[in-house]
Every structure is written in C-alpha cells, then in structure tokens.
Amino acid sequence: MMADAPVIHGERKRENKEEREGFHRCERSQGNFYRVIPQPEGVKRDAVKPELGDGLLKIHVPVSEVTKQTHEVQVEEAVAAK
C-alpha cells in the first residue's frame, strides 16, 4: 500500500425479491471492498477535500503550482504527395 494514499473501504449489500403467482424468488449478495487512491507528486495534502452527495464521492486534490508542468510539442503540417 502507498504511504499517505487515501483508502476508501466499505461493504456492499444487495437484495432482490420477486414474487409472482406460483413462485417466490429472493437473491442476496454482499461483500467488502476497498480502493487505494494514488496521489500525484506535489499534492497539497492539507487541502484535499472529499464530498459525498447523491451516492457519488468526489475527492478534490489540489496540486501545487510548482508541479504543474506542461510539455510543448511542435506539430508540422504534412505535405500531400502528388
């Protein structure tokens, strides 16, 4: 496991029941899960902010300006062959 990487863990439970004339069916499943979220270099660990809403987990991970690097690539126009 990575040092200082956030870990999300929980348990999933699901039950599905169906009843009709002549039969009854019930399916159940459950299990544990966990996820380790790797962090890029330069993360401001004190400013990481998780948000949970409508069944969706969002994790805002701000990165320091020093580590934000861009790489320029020159694109040359291709000459069509005759």
N, C-alpha and C. Protein backbone atom coordinates (compact mmCIF):
# COMPACT_ATOMS: atom_id res chain seq x y z
N MET A 1 0.85 -1.18 0.00
CA MET A 1 0.00 0.00 0.00
C MET A 1 0.89 1.24 0.00
N MET A 2 0.46 2.28 -0.67
CA MET A 2 1.24 3.50 -0.78
C MET A 2 1.14 4.32 0.51
N ALA A 3 2.26 4.94 0.87
CA ALA A 3 2.25 5.79 2.07
C ALA A 3 1.41 7.04 1.81
N ASP A 4 0.62 7.42 2.76
CA ASP A 4 -0.21 8.63 2.72
C ASP A 4 -1.26 8.61 1.60
N ALA A 5 -1.55 7.47 1.02
CA ALA A 5 -2.58 7.40 -0.01
C ALA A 5 -3.93 7.19 0.67
N PRO A 6 -4.96 7.95 0.27
CA PRO A 6 -6.29 7.74 0.86
C PRO A 6 -6.84 6.36 0.50
N VAL A 7 -7.52 5.77 1.45
CA VAL A 7 -8.13 4.45 1.25
C VAL A 7 -9.63 4.58 1.48
N ILE A 8 -10.40 4.06 0.55
CA ILE A 8 -11.86 4.02 0.69
C ILE A 8 -12.23 2.56 0.89
N HIS A 9 -12.99 2.29 1.94
CA HIS A 9 -13.44 0.91 2.16
C HIS A 9 -14.88 0.92 2.63
N GLY A 10 -15.56 -0.18 2.35
CA GLY A 10 -16.96 -0.28 2.73
C GLY A 10 -17.48 -1.68 2.50
N GLU A 11 -18.78 -1.81 2.62
CA GLU A 11 -19.43 -3.10 2.41
C GLU A 11 -20.64 -2.89 1.51
N ARG A 12 -20.78 -3.77 0.57
CA ARG A 12 -21.89 -3.73 -0.37
C ARG A 12 -22.90 -4.81 0.01
N LYS A 13 -24.17 -4.43 0.07
CA LYS A 13 -25.24 -5.40 0.33
C LYS A 13 -26.36 -5.13 -0.67
N ARG A 14 -26.85 -6.19 -1.28
CA ARG A 14 -27.94 -6.03 -2.24
C ARG A 14 -28.90 -7.21 -2.09
N GLU A 15 -30.19 -6.89 -2.17
CA GLU A 15 -31.21 -7.92 -2.09
C GLU A 15 -32.25 -7.65 -3.17
N ASN A 16 -32.62 -8.67 -3.88
CA ASN A 16 -33.60 -8.55 -4.96
C ASN A 16 -34.70 -9.59 -4.73
N LYS A 17 -35.92 -9.11 -4.54
CA LYS A 17 -37.05 -10.03 -4.32
C LYS A 17 -38.03 -9.91 -5.48
N GLU A 18 -38.57 -11.05 -5.87
CA GLU A 18 -39.58 -11.07 -6.93
C GLU A 18 -40.64 -12.10 -6.54
N GLU A 19 -41.88 -11.66 -6.53
CA GLU A 19 -42.97 -12.57 -6.21
C GLU A 19 -44.01 -12.50 -7.32
N ARG A 20 -44.37 -13.65 -7.82
CA ARG A 20 -45.43 -13.76 -8.82
C ARG A 20 -46.31 -14.93 -8.41
N GLU A 21 -47.37 -15.04 -9.11
CA GLU A 21 -48.28 -16.16 -8.81
C GLU A 21 -47.56 -17.48 -9.08
N GLY A 22 -47.44 -18.27 -8.06
CA GLY A 22 -46.83 -19.58 -8.23
C GLY A 22 -45.38 -19.68 -7.80
N PHE A 23 -44.68 -18.56 -7.62
CA PHE A 23 -43.29 -18.68 -7.15
C PHE A 23 -42.84 -17.42 -6.41
N HIS A 24 -41.78 -17.62 -5.64
CA HIS A 24 -41.16 -16.54 -4.86
C HIS A 24 -39.64 -16.68 -5.04
N ARG A 25 -38.97 -15.59 -5.42
CA ARG A 25 -37.52 -15.63 -5.61
C ARG A 25 -36.87 -14.50 -4.81
N CYS A 26 -35.77 -14.82 -4.14
CA CYS A 26 -35.02 -13.82 -3.37
C CYS A 26 -33.53 -14.06 -3.59
N GLU A 27 -32.82 -13.03 -4.11
CA GLU A 27 -31.38 -13.13 -4.32
C GLU A 27 -30.68 -12.13 -3.42
N ARG A 28 -29.60 -12.58 -2.80
CA ARG A 28 -28.83 -11.69 -1.92
C ARG A 28 -27.35 -11.79 -2.30
N SER A 29 -26.68 -10.65 -2.24
CA SER A 29 -25.23 -10.66 -2.41
C SER A 29 -24.64 -9.59 -1.51
N GLN A 30 -23.43 -9.84 -1.06
CA GLN A 30 -22.75 -8.86 -0.23
C GLN A 30 -21.25 -9.10 -0.31
N GLY A 31 -20.49 -8.10 0.06
CA GLY A 31 -19.04 -8.24 0.06
C GLY A 31 -18.36 -6.95 0.47
N ASN A 32 -17.14 -7.07 0.92
CA ASN A 32 -16.35 -5.92 1.30
C ASN A 32 -15.54 -5.44 0.11
N PHE A 33 -15.19 -4.17 0.12
CA PHE A 33 -14.34 -3.62 -0.93
C PHE A 33 -13.45 -2.54 -0.35
N TYR A 34 -12.35 -2.27 -1.03
CA TYR A 34 -11.51 -1.12 -0.68
C TYR A 34 -10.76 -0.67 -1.92
N ARG A 35 -10.45 0.59 -1.96
CA ARG A 35 -9.70 1.19 -3.06
C ARG A 35 -8.63 2.09 -2.47
N VAL A 36 -7.42 1.99 -3.00
CA VAL A 36 -6.33 2.89 -2.64
C VAL A 36 -6.20 3.88 -3.79
N ILE A 37 -6.22 5.17 -3.46
CA ILE A 37 -6.19 6.20 -4.49
C ILE A 37 -4.79 6.80 -4.53
N PRO A 38 -4.01 6.48 -5.57
CA PRO A 38 -2.67 7.03 -5.66
C PRO A 38 -2.72 8.55 -5.86
N GLN A 39 -1.79 9.26 -5.25
CA GLN A 39 -1.75 10.72 -5.32
C GLN A 39 -0.57 11.16 -6.18
N PRO A 40 -0.76 12.16 -7.02
CA PRO A 40 0.37 12.67 -7.80
C PRO A 40 1.33 13.44 -6.90
N GLU A 41 2.54 13.64 -7.38
CA GLU A 41 3.51 14.41 -6.60
C GLU A 41 3.05 15.86 -6.51
N GLY A 42 3.36 16.49 -5.40
CA GLY A 42 3.01 17.89 -5.23
C GLY A 42 1.62 18.14 -4.69
N VAL A 43 0.94 17.10 -4.25
CA VAL A 43 -0.42 17.26 -3.71
C VAL A 43 -0.35 18.05 -2.41
N LYS A 44 -1.24 19.01 -2.27
CA LYS A 44 -1.38 19.75 -1.01
C LYS A 44 -2.27 18.90 -0.10
N ARG A 45 -1.64 18.04 0.67
CA ARG A 45 -2.38 17.05 1.48
C ARG A 45 -3.35 17.69 2.48
N ASP A 46 -3.00 18.85 2.99
CA ASP A 46 -3.88 19.52 3.96
C ASP A 46 -5.12 20.10 3.30
N ALA A 47 -5.12 20.22 1.98
CA ALA A 47 -6.24 20.85 1.28
C ALA A 47 -7.11 19.84 0.51
N VAL A 48 -6.81 18.54 0.64
CA VAL A 48 -7.64 17.52 -0.02
C VAL A 48 -9.02 17.56 0.61
N LYS A 49 -10.07 17.59 -0.24
CA LYS A 49 -11.43 17.76 0.28
C LYS A 49 -12.37 16.73 -0.34
N PRO A 50 -12.85 15.77 0.45
CA PRO A 50 -13.83 14.81 -0.06
C PRO A 50 -15.25 15.38 0.05
N GLU A 51 -16.10 15.03 -0.91
CA GLU A 51 -17.51 15.45 -0.93
C GLU A 51 -18.36 14.24 -1.26
N LEU A 52 -19.40 14.00 -0.49
CA LEU A 52 -20.31 12.89 -0.75
C LEU A 52 -21.70 13.45 -0.95
N GLY A 53 -22.31 13.14 -2.10
CA GLY A 53 -23.66 13.60 -2.37
C GLY A 53 -24.29 12.80 -3.49
N ASP A 54 -25.55 12.47 -3.36
CA ASP A 54 -26.29 11.70 -4.36
C ASP A 54 -25.60 10.39 -4.71
N GLY A 55 -24.97 9.75 -3.72
CA GLY A 55 -24.31 8.47 -3.95
C GLY A 55 -23.00 8.57 -4.70
N LEU A 56 -22.46 9.76 -4.84
CA LEU A 56 -21.22 9.97 -5.58
C LEU A 56 -20.18 10.59 -4.66
N LEU A 57 -19.00 10.00 -4.61
CA LEU A 57 -17.90 10.53 -3.82
C LEU A 57 -16.95 11.29 -4.75
N LYS A 58 -16.74 12.57 -4.46
CA LYS A 58 -15.79 13.39 -5.21
C LYS A 58 -14.66 13.75 -4.27
N ILE A 59 -13.43 13.63 -4.75
CA ILE A 59 -12.27 14.00 -3.95
C ILE A 59 -11.51 15.08 -4.71
N HIS A 60 -11.48 16.28 -4.16
CA HIS A 60 -10.77 17.40 -4.77
C HIS A 60 -9.33 17.35 -4.27
N VAL A 61 -8.38 17.26 -5.21
CA VAL A 61 -6.97 17.11 -4.88
C VAL A 61 -6.20 18.27 -5.50
N PRO A 62 -5.96 19.35 -4.73
CA PRO A 62 -5.20 20.46 -5.28
C PRO A 62 -3.71 20.12 -5.38
N VAL A 63 -3.08 20.59 -6.44
CA VAL A 63 -1.66 20.34 -6.68
C VAL A 63 -0.94 21.68 -6.67
N SER A 64 0.24 21.73 -6.09
CA SER A 64 0.99 22.98 -6.02
C SER A 64 1.40 23.43 -7.42
N GLU A 65 1.53 24.73 -7.60
CA GLU A 65 1.87 25.31 -8.90
C GLU A 65 3.22 24.82 -9.43
N VAL A 66 4.13 24.52 -8.54
CA VAL A 66 5.48 24.10 -8.95
C VAL A 66 5.42 22.80 -9.74
N THR A 67 4.53 21.89 -9.37
CA THR A 67 4.49 20.58 -10.03
C THR A 67 3.64 20.58 -11.29
N LYS A 68 2.86 21.62 -11.53
CA LYS A 68 2.06 21.67 -12.76
C LYS A 68 3.00 22.02 -13.90
N GLN A 69 3.33 21.04 -14.71
CA GLN A 69 4.25 21.25 -15.81
C GLN A 69 3.55 20.93 -17.12
N THR A 70 3.87 21.69 -18.12
CA THR A 70 3.34 21.42 -19.46
C THR A 70 4.49 21.06 -20.37
N HIS A 71 4.18 20.40 -21.42
CA HIS A 71 5.19 19.99 -22.39
C HIS A 71 4.69 20.40 -23.77
N GLU A 72 5.47 21.20 -24.46
CA GLU A 72 5.08 21.66 -25.79
C GLU A 72 5.61 20.72 -26.84
N VAL A 73 4.78 20.44 -27.82
CA VAL A 73 5.16 19.58 -28.94
C VAL A 73 4.90 20.35 -30.22
N GLN A 74 5.91 20.43 -31.08
CA GLN A 74 5.75 21.11 -32.36
C GLN A 74 5.02 20.19 -33.33
N VAL A 75 4.00 20.70 -33.97
CA VAL A 75 3.24 19.94 -34.95
C VAL A 75 3.50 20.55 -36.31
N GLU A 76 4.02 19.73 -37.23
CA GLU A 76 4.32 20.22 -38.57
C GLU A 76 3.21 19.79 -39.51
N GLU A 77 2.89 20.66 -40.44
CA GLU A 77 1.85 20.35 -41.41
C GLU A 77 2.39 19.36 -42.42
N ALA A 78 1.64 18.32 -42.69
CA ALA A 78 2.06 17.32 -43.65
C ALA A 78 1.84 17.82 -45.06
N VAL A 79 2.77 17.51 -45.95
CA VAL A 79 2.66 17.90 -47.36
C VAL A 79 2.06 16.72 -48.10
N ALA A 80 0.96 16.97 -48.81
CA ALA A 80 0.27 15.91 -49.54
C ALA A 80 1.12 15.45 -50.72
N ALA A 81 1.26 14.15 -50.91
CA ALA A 81 2.01 13.58 -52.04
C ALA A 81 1.16 13.62 -53.29
N LYS A 82 1.79 13.96 -54.43
CA LYS A 82 1.06 14.03 -55.70
C LYS A 82 1.29 12.81 -56.54
